[in-house]
Amino acid sequence: EEEAFNRIEIIDQQGKLIYDESINEQGFYYIEINLPAGMYYVKMSGDSSPSIQKILLMK
């Protein structure tokens, strides 16, 4: 069974919260924001422990 996430956050390398939104959809979720190149963390929270993924944005 897939984890149902209800919140997504994007955090920069300095720990600053860049994006924070509650979500209702399951599966694919599209975010359109313009960020400078760099390292970011995507945190998805749900009913159980959060999932954090590190992403490198290159332009």
Protein backbone atom coordinates (compact mmCIF):
# COMPACT_ATOMS: atom_id res chain seq x y z
CA GLU A 1 0.00 0.00 0.00
CA GLU A 2 1.32 3.43 -0.98
CA GLU A 3 1.89 6.14 1.61
CA ALA A 4 -0.69 8.93 1.38
CA PHE A 5 1.06 12.28 1.72
CA ASN A 6 -0.91 15.40 2.63
CA ARG A 7 1.82 18.06 2.83
CA ILE A 8 4.83 18.94 0.68
CA GLU A 9 7.67 21.27 1.64
CA ILE A 10 10.77 22.44 -0.25
CA ILE A 11 13.72 23.57 1.86
CA ASP A 12 16.96 25.14 0.62
CA GLN A 13 20.48 24.25 1.79
CA GLN A 14 20.41 26.92 4.50
CA GLY A 15 17.22 25.43 5.98
CA LYS A 16 14.92 28.18 4.67
CA LEU A 17 11.41 27.00 3.81
CA ILE A 18 10.86 27.82 0.13
CA TYR A 19 7.51 26.11 -0.51
CA ASP A 20 4.85 24.67 1.80
CA GLU A 21 1.47 23.38 0.70
CA SER A 22 -1.20 20.95 1.80
CA ILE A 23 -2.11 18.48 -0.92
CA ASN A 24 -5.16 16.30 -1.42
CA GLU A 25 -4.17 14.31 -4.49
CA GLN A 26 -2.44 10.94 -4.43
CA GLY A 27 0.17 9.97 -6.99
CA PHE A 28 1.69 12.57 -9.31
CA TYR A 29 1.86 16.17 -8.08
CA TYR A 30 3.18 19.05 -10.22
CA ILE A 31 4.68 22.21 -8.70
CA GLU A 32 5.52 25.16 -10.93
CA ILE A 33 7.99 27.43 -9.12
CA ASN A 34 11.11 29.16 -10.38
CA LEU A 35 14.09 28.30 -8.18
CA PRO A 36 17.75 29.12 -8.74
CA ALA A 37 20.16 26.25 -9.34
CA GLY A 38 21.25 24.54 -6.14
CA MET A 39 20.59 21.77 -3.63
CA TYR A 40 17.09 21.42 -2.16
CA TYR A 41 15.25 19.03 0.11
CA VAL A 42 11.71 17.89 -0.65
CA LYS A 43 9.84 16.78 2.46
CA MET A 44 6.56 14.89 2.07
CA SER A 45 4.52 14.32 5.22
CA GLY A 46 1.60 12.03 5.83
CA ASP A 47 0.14 9.81 8.50
CA SER A 48 3.46 8.09 9.22
CA SER A 49 7.05 9.36 9.28
CA PRO A 50 7.97 11.99 6.66
CA SER A 51 9.93 11.19 3.52
CA ILE A 52 12.80 13.56 2.68
CA GLN A 53 14.53 13.52 -0.71
CA LYS A 54 17.56 15.60 -1.69
CA ILE A 55 17.44 17.10 -5.19
CA LEU A 56 20.05 18.97 -7.21
CA LEU A 57 18.55 21.59 -9.52
CA MET A 58 20.80 22.46 -12.45
CA LYS A 59 20.07 25.17 -15.01
